[in-house]
Amino acid sequence: MTVDQQIQIWNAAGTWIAGLATFAAVVVSLYLANRSNKVHLKVYAGLRVIFAGDGSPPEEHLNISVTNLGDRPVTINSVGWAIGKGKKKQLCIQTVSGRYTNQYPIELAHGKEANFKVSFLNTPNWAKDFMDGFTKTPTDKHLKTLDVLVYTSVGQIIKAKPEKGLLELLKNVHQNG
């Protein structure tokens, strides 16, 4: 093989490598552009105790915490619940109450958090009412399908599983009637 032939082979290989690198750069830039437009929320639903430290008794709450991890601002229209699967799936919207809660709708910028609370001082029978009124067939198997839902203004619904303590409270209410 002559030197001219070797140079032509290396020219062709270099062209191929440059083409592959350009293709990879385009794929990565499209991925990053698409990712920045998506709604990315972290959601927790569980029991919390607020201790004010001002002599008032601690208050127990149902707390649904929503944090915006995405790059774009997101408006939360409401939060709610889903239980069951398929045609037996039930949905409801959760009203919030108490002096420490955010209200709907709320806009969250990147890194901001909203906490939607139901005070058990204002609604002491929340768990029983929830089990009797919303979960029509409250079995342990049925409770495993329980999801908290966050409804956004762009039509996305974000699902999350409730924390263990909340599920245990609901199971106890169901078992003790």
C-alpha atoms as a PDB file:
ATOM      1  CA  MET A   1       0.000   0.000   0.000  1.00  0.00           C
ATOM      2  CA  THR A   2       1.402   3.329  -0.996  1.00  0.00           C
ATOM      3  CA  VAL A   3       1.595   6.420   1.157  1.00  0.00           C
ATOM      4  CA  ASP A   4      -1.124   8.091  -0.950  1.00  0.00           C
ATOM      5  CA  GLN A   5      -3.486   5.164  -0.300  1.00  0.00           C
ATOM      6  CA  GLN A   6      -2.802   5.289   3.442  1.00  0.00           C
ATOM      7  CA  ILE A   7      -3.548   9.022   3.505  1.00  0.00           C
ATOM      8  CA  GLN A   8      -6.841   8.433   1.689  1.00  0.00           C
ATOM      9  CA  ILE A   9      -7.826   5.733   4.204  1.00  0.00           C
ATOM     10  CA  TRP A  10      -7.027   8.026   7.138  1.00  0.00           C
ATOM     11  CA  ASN A  11      -8.959  10.871   5.469  1.00  0.00           C
ATOM     12  CA  ALA A  12     -12.003   8.618   5.093  1.00  0.00           C
ATOM     13  CA  ALA A  13     -11.719   7.382   8.704  1.00  0.00           C
ATOM     14  CA  GLY A  14     -11.405  10.959   9.953  1.00  0.00           C
ATOM     15  CA  THR A  15     -14.500  11.983   8.003  1.00  0.00           C
ATOM     16  CA  TRP A  16     -16.466   9.081   9.505  1.00  0.00           C
ATOM     17  CA  ILE A  17     -15.327   9.873  13.039  1.00  0.00           C
ATOM     18  CA  ALA A  18     -16.204  13.565  12.605  1.00  0.00           C
ATOM     19  CA  GLY A  19     -19.644  12.593  11.256  1.00  0.00           C
ATOM     20  CA  LEU A  20     -20.329  10.280  14.211  1.00  0.00           C
ATOM     21  CA  ALA A  21     -19.222  12.948  16.701  1.00  0.00           C
ATOM     22  CA  THR A  22     -21.506  15.516  15.051  1.00  0.00           C
ATOM     23  CA  PHE A  23     -24.427  13.064  15.166  1.00  0.00           C
ATOM     24  CA  ALA A  24     -23.774  12.375  18.874  1.00  0.00           C
ATOM     25  CA  ALA A  25     -23.671  16.123  19.621  1.00  0.00           C
ATOM     26  CA  VAL A  26     -27.022  16.653  17.891  1.00  0.00           C
ATOM     27  CA  VAL A  27     -28.625  13.757  19.809  1.00  0.00           C
ATOM     28  CA  VAL A  28     -27.354  15.084  23.157  1.00  0.00           C
ATOM     29  CA  SER A  29     -28.523  18.648  22.417  1.00  0.00           C
ATOM     30  CA  LEU A  30     -32.005  17.422  21.415  1.00  0.00           C
ATOM     31  CA  TYR A  31     -32.205  15.307  24.574  1.00  0.00           C
ATOM     32  CA  LEU A  32     -31.247  18.275  26.761  1.00  0.00           C
ATOM     33  CA  ALA A  33     -33.690  20.593  24.973  1.00  0.00           C
ATOM     34  CA  ASN A  34     -36.573  18.126  25.439  1.00  0.00           C
ATOM     35  CA  ARG A  35     -35.654  17.462  29.050  1.00  0.00           C
ATOM     36  CA  SER A  36     -35.723  21.145  29.970  1.00  0.00           C
ATOM     37  CA  ASN A  37     -39.341  21.470  28.770  1.00  0.00           C
ATOM     38  CA  LYS A  38     -40.689  18.610  30.878  1.00  0.00           C
ATOM     39  CA  VAL A  39     -42.397  19.003  34.219  1.00  0.00           C
ATOM     40  CA  HIS A  40     -40.302  17.309  36.912  1.00  0.00           C
ATOM     41  CA  LEU A  41     -41.882  17.285  40.385  1.00  0.00           C
ATOM     42  CA  LYS A  42     -40.966  15.421  43.570  1.00  0.00           C
ATOM     43  CA  VAL A  43     -44.071  14.561  45.596  1.00  0.00           C
ATOM     44  CA  TYR A  44     -44.447  13.278  49.167  1.00  0.00           C
ATOM     45  CA  ALA A  45     -47.708  12.521  50.983  1.00  0.00           C
ATOM     46  CA  GLY A  46     -47.566  11.672  54.653  1.00  0.00           C
ATOM     47  CA  LEU A  47     -48.314  12.627  58.223  1.00  0.00           C
ATOM     48  CA  ARG A  48     -46.509  15.584  59.787  1.00  0.00           C
ATOM     49  CA  VAL A  49     -46.578  17.229  63.196  1.00  0.00           C
ATOM     50  CA  ILE A  50     -46.109  20.990  63.410  1.00  0.00           C
ATOM     51  CA  PHE A  51     -44.648  22.212  66.668  1.00  0.00           C
ATOM     52  CA  ALA A  52     -44.951  26.002  66.742  1.00  0.00           C
ATOM     53  CA  GLY A  53     -43.072  26.504  70.019  1.00  0.00           C
ATOM     54  CA  ASP A  54     -45.461  29.257  71.132  1.00  0.00           C
ATOM     55  CA  GLY A  55     -47.232  27.256  73.834  1.00  0.00           C
ATOM     56  CA  SER A  56     -49.883  25.901  71.475  1.00  0.00           C
ATOM     57  CA  PRO A  57     -50.193  22.119  71.252  1.00  0.00           C
ATOM     58  CA  PRO A  58     -48.530  20.323  68.342  1.00  0.00           C
ATOM     59  CA  GLU A  59     -50.817  19.925  65.311  1.00  0.00           C
ATOM     60  CA  GLU A  60     -50.933  16.738  63.261  1.00  0.00           C
ATOM     61  CA  HIS A  61     -51.539  17.167  59.539  1.00  0.00           C
ATOM     62  CA  LEU A  62     -51.852  15.271  56.338  1.00  0.00           C
ATOM     63  CA  ASN A  63     -49.106  16.915  54.274  1.00  0.00           C
ATOM     64  CA  ILE A  64     -48.672  16.712  50.506  1.00  0.00           C
ATOM     65  CA  SER A  65     -45.336  18.267  49.580  1.00  0.00           C
ATOM     66  CA  VAL A  66     -44.546  19.190  45.956  1.00  0.00           C
ATOM     67  CA  THR A  67     -41.071  20.382  44.863  1.00  0.00           C
ATOM     68  CA  ASN A  68     -40.280  21.588  41.350  1.00  0.00           C
ATOM     69  CA  LEU A  69     -37.049  19.902  40.209  1.00  0.00           C
ATOM     70  CA  GLY A  70     -37.451  20.971  36.581  1.00  0.00           C
ATOM     71  CA  ASP A  71     -36.027  24.018  34.862  1.00  0.00           C
ATOM     72  CA  ARG A  72     -39.364  25.602  33.958  1.00  0.00           C
ATOM     73  CA  PRO A  73     -41.946  27.094  36.334  1.00  0.00           C
ATOM     74  CA  VAL A  74     -45.000  24.909  37.026  1.00  0.00           C
ATOM     75  CA  THR A  75     -48.451  25.895  38.249  1.00  0.00           C
ATOM     76  CA  ILE A  76     -50.107  23.388  40.576  1.00  0.00           C
ATOM     77  CA  ASN A  77     -53.887  23.525  40.129  1.00  0.00           C
ATOM     78  CA  SER A  78     -54.797  20.929  42.756  1.00  0.00           C
ATOM     79  CA  VAL A  79     -53.834  17.669  44.400  1.00  0.00           C
ATOM     80  CA  GLY A  80     -55.945  14.580  44.809  1.00  0.00           C
ATOM     81  CA  TRP A  81     -56.086  10.835  45.101  1.00  0.00           C
ATOM     82  CA  ALA A  82     -56.545   7.765  42.914  1.00  0.00           C
ATOM     83  CA  ILE A  83     -57.314   4.256  44.103  1.00  0.00           C
ATOM     84  CA  GLY A  84     -58.073   1.064  42.242  1.00  0.00           C
ATOM     85  CA  LYS A  85     -57.233  -0.082  38.744  1.00  0.00           C
ATOM     86  CA  GLY A  86     -58.963  -0.114  35.396  1.00  0.00           C
ATOM     87  CA  LYS A  87     -62.713   0.472  35.383  1.00  0.00           C
ATOM     88  CA  LYS A  88     -62.846   0.380  39.192  1.00  0.00           C
ATOM     89  CA  LYS A  89     -60.389   3.278  39.544  1.00  0.00           C
ATOM     90  CA  GLN A  90     -61.713   6.138  41.666  1.00  0.00           C
ATOM     91  CA  LEU A  91     -60.439   9.726  41.686  1.00  0.00           C
ATOM     92  CA  CYS A  92     -60.972  12.644  44.053  1.00  0.00           C
ATOM     93  CA  ILE A  93     -59.613  16.133  44.697  1.00  0.00           C
ATOM     94  CA  GLN A  94     -58.221  16.913  48.155  1.00  0.00           C
ATOM     95  CA  THR A  95     -59.309  20.158  49.787  1.00  0.00           C
ATOM     96  CA  VAL A  96     -56.740  21.757  52.061  1.00  0.00           C
ATOM     97  CA  SER A  97     -57.178  23.563  55.357  1.00  0.00           C
ATOM     98  CA  GLY A  98     -55.150  24.993  58.184  1.00  0.00           C
ATOM     99  CA  ARG A  99     -53.000  28.012  58.809  1.00  0.00           C
ATOM    100  CA  TYR A 100     -49.770  26.478  57.462  1.00  0.00           C
ATOM    101  CA  THR A 101     -51.007  25.325  54.048  1.00  0.00           C
ATOM    102  CA  ASN A 102     -50.478  26.721  50.579  1.00  0.00           C
ATOM    103  CA  GLN A 103     -53.604  27.268  48.487  1.00  0.00           C
ATOM    104  CA  TYR A 104     -54.391  26.288  44.896  1.00  0.00           C
ATOM    105  CA  PRO A 105     -53.309  27.360  42.325  1.00  0.00           C
ATOM    106  CA  ILE A 106     -49.667  28.072  43.090  1.00  0.00           C
ATOM    107  CA  GLU A 107     -46.747  28.624  40.730  1.00  0.00           C
ATOM    108  CA  LEU A 108     -43.470  26.947  41.617  1.00  0.00           C
ATOM    109  CA  ALA A 109     -40.181  28.109  40.133  1.00  0.00           C
ATOM    110  CA  HIS A 110     -37.195  25.753  39.939  1.00  0.00           C
ATOM    111  CA  GLY A 111     -36.334  24.436  43.415  1.00  0.00           C
ATOM    112  CA  LYS A 112     -39.443  25.877  45.103  1.00  0.00           C
ATOM    113  CA  GLU A 113     -41.779  23.794  47.270  1.00  0.00           C
ATOM    114  CA  ALA A 114     -45.450  23.934  48.183  1.00  0.00           C
ATOM    115  CA  ASN A 115     -47.039  22.128  51.112  1.00  0.00           C
ATOM    116  CA  PHE A 116     -50.729  21.314  50.990  1.00  0.00           C
ATOM    117  CA  LYS A 117     -52.024  20.409  54.427  1.00  0.00           C
ATOM    118  CA  VAL A 118     -55.187  19.088  56.000  1.00  0.00           C
ATOM    119  CA  SER A 119     -55.158  19.952  59.683  1.00  0.00           C
ATOM    120  CA  PHE A 120     -56.471  17.170  61.889  1.00  0.00           C
ATOM    121  CA  LEU A 121     -57.546  19.863  64.385  1.00  0.00           C
ATOM    122  CA  ASN A 122     -59.978  21.225  61.774  1.00  0.00           C
ATOM    123  CA  THR A 123     -60.913  17.808  60.363  1.00  0.00           C
ATOM    124  CA  PRO A 124     -60.273  15.249  63.138  1.00  0.00           C
ATOM    125  CA  ASN A 125     -62.104  12.460  61.275  1.00  0.00           C
ATOM    126  CA  TRP A 126     -60.283  12.920  57.961  1.00  0.00           C
ATOM    127  CA  ALA A 127     -58.913   9.365  57.828  1.00  0.00           C
ATOM    128  CA  LYS A 128     -62.286   7.775  58.665  1.00  0.00           C
ATOM    129  CA  ASP A 129     -64.152  10.030  56.232  1.00  0.00           C
ATOM    130  CA  PHE A 130     -61.557   9.273  53.562  1.00  0.00           C
ATOM    131  CA  MET A 131     -61.874   5.518  54.090  1.00  0.00           C
ATOM    132  CA  ASP A 132     -65.698   5.555  54.264  1.00  0.00           C
ATOM    133  CA  GLY A 133     -66.376   8.105  51.541  1.00  0.00           C
ATOM    134  CA  PHE A 134     -63.623   7.595  48.985  1.00  0.00           C
ATOM    135  CA  THR A 135     -62.297   4.064  49.257  1.00  0.00           C
ATOM    136  CA  LYS A 136     -65.412   2.001  48.532  1.00  0.00           C
ATOM    137  CA  THR A 137     -63.631  -1.352  49.004  1.00  0.00           C
ATOM    138  CA  PRO A 138     -60.912  -0.632  51.576  1.00  0.00           C
ATOM    139  CA  THR A 139     -58.861  -3.837  51.605  1.00  0.00           C
ATOM    140  CA  ASP A 140     -55.106  -4.019  52.080  1.00  0.00           C
ATOM    141  CA  LYS A 141     -54.756  -5.028  48.435  1.00  0.00           C
ATOM    142  CA  HIS A 142     -56.914  -2.064  47.379  1.00  0.00           C
ATOM    143  CA  LEU A 143     -54.893   0.372  49.556  1.00  0.00           C
ATOM    144  CA  LYS A 144     -51.713  -0.696  47.735  1.00  0.00           C
ATOM    145  CA  THR A 145     -53.119   1.009  44.624  1.00  0.00           C
ATOM    146  CA  LEU A 146     -53.543   4.355  46.423  1.00  0.00           C
ATOM    147  CA  ASP A 147     -51.689   7.211  44.706  1.00  0.00           C
ATOM    148  CA  VAL A 148     -51.491  10.921  45.412  1.00  0.00           C
ATOM    149  CA  LEU A 149     -51.976  12.981  42.244  1.00  0.00           C
ATOM    150  CA  VAL A 150     -50.669  16.459  41.451  1.00  0.00           C
ATOM    151  CA  TYR A 151     -52.562  18.273  38.682  1.00  0.00           C
ATOM    152  CA  THR A 152     -50.563  20.870  36.724  1.00  0.00           C
ATOM    153  CA  SER A 153     -51.740  23.689  34.491  1.00  0.00           C
ATOM    154  CA  VAL A 154     -50.112  22.073  31.432  1.00  0.00           C
ATOM    155  CA  GLY A 155     -52.275  18.959  31.759  1.00  0.00           C
ATOM    156  CA  GLN A 156     -49.674  16.674  33.284  1.00  0.00           C
ATOM    157  CA  ILE A 157     -50.686  14.589  36.266  1.00  0.00           C
ATOM    158  CA  ILE A 158     -47.837  13.482  38.532  1.00  0.00           C
ATOM    159  CA  LYS A 159     -48.373  10.332  40.639  1.00  0.00           C
ATOM    160  CA  ALA A 160     -46.650   9.317  43.864  1.00  0.00           C
ATOM    161  CA  LYS A 161     -47.163   6.665  46.524  1.00  0.00           C
ATOM    162  CA  PRO A 162     -48.166   7.791  50.034  1.00  0.00           C
ATOM    163  CA  GLU A 163     -45.673   7.294  52.842  1.00  0.00           C
ATOM    164  CA  LYS A 164     -45.843   4.221  55.053  1.00  0.00           C
ATOM    165  CA  GLY A 165     -47.175   6.108  58.104  1.00  0.00           C
ATOM    166  CA  LEU A 166     -50.190   7.423  56.188  1.00  0.00           C
ATOM    167  CA  LEU A 167     -50.971   3.978  54.774  1.00  0.00           C
ATOM    168  CA  GLU A 168     -50.753   2.481  58.271  1.00  0.00           C
ATOM    169  CA  LEU A 169     -53.157   5.129  59.621  1.00  0.00           C
ATOM    170  CA  LEU A 170     -55.654   4.306  56.865  1.00  0.00           C
ATOM    171  CA  LYS A 171     -55.296   0.546  57.495  1.00  0.00           C
ATOM    172  CA  ASN A 172     -55.851   1.048  61.234  1.00  0.00           C
ATOM    173  CA  VAL A 173     -58.962   3.162  60.610  1.00  0.00           C
ATOM    174  CA  HIS A 174     -60.282   0.467  58.284  1.00  0.00           C
ATOM    175  CA  GLN A 175     -59.559  -2.395  60.713  1.00  0.00           C
ATOM    176  CA  ASN A 176     -60.904  -0.592  63.803  1.00  0.00           C
ATOM    177  CA  GLY A 177     -63.913   0.881  61.988  1.00  0.00           C
END
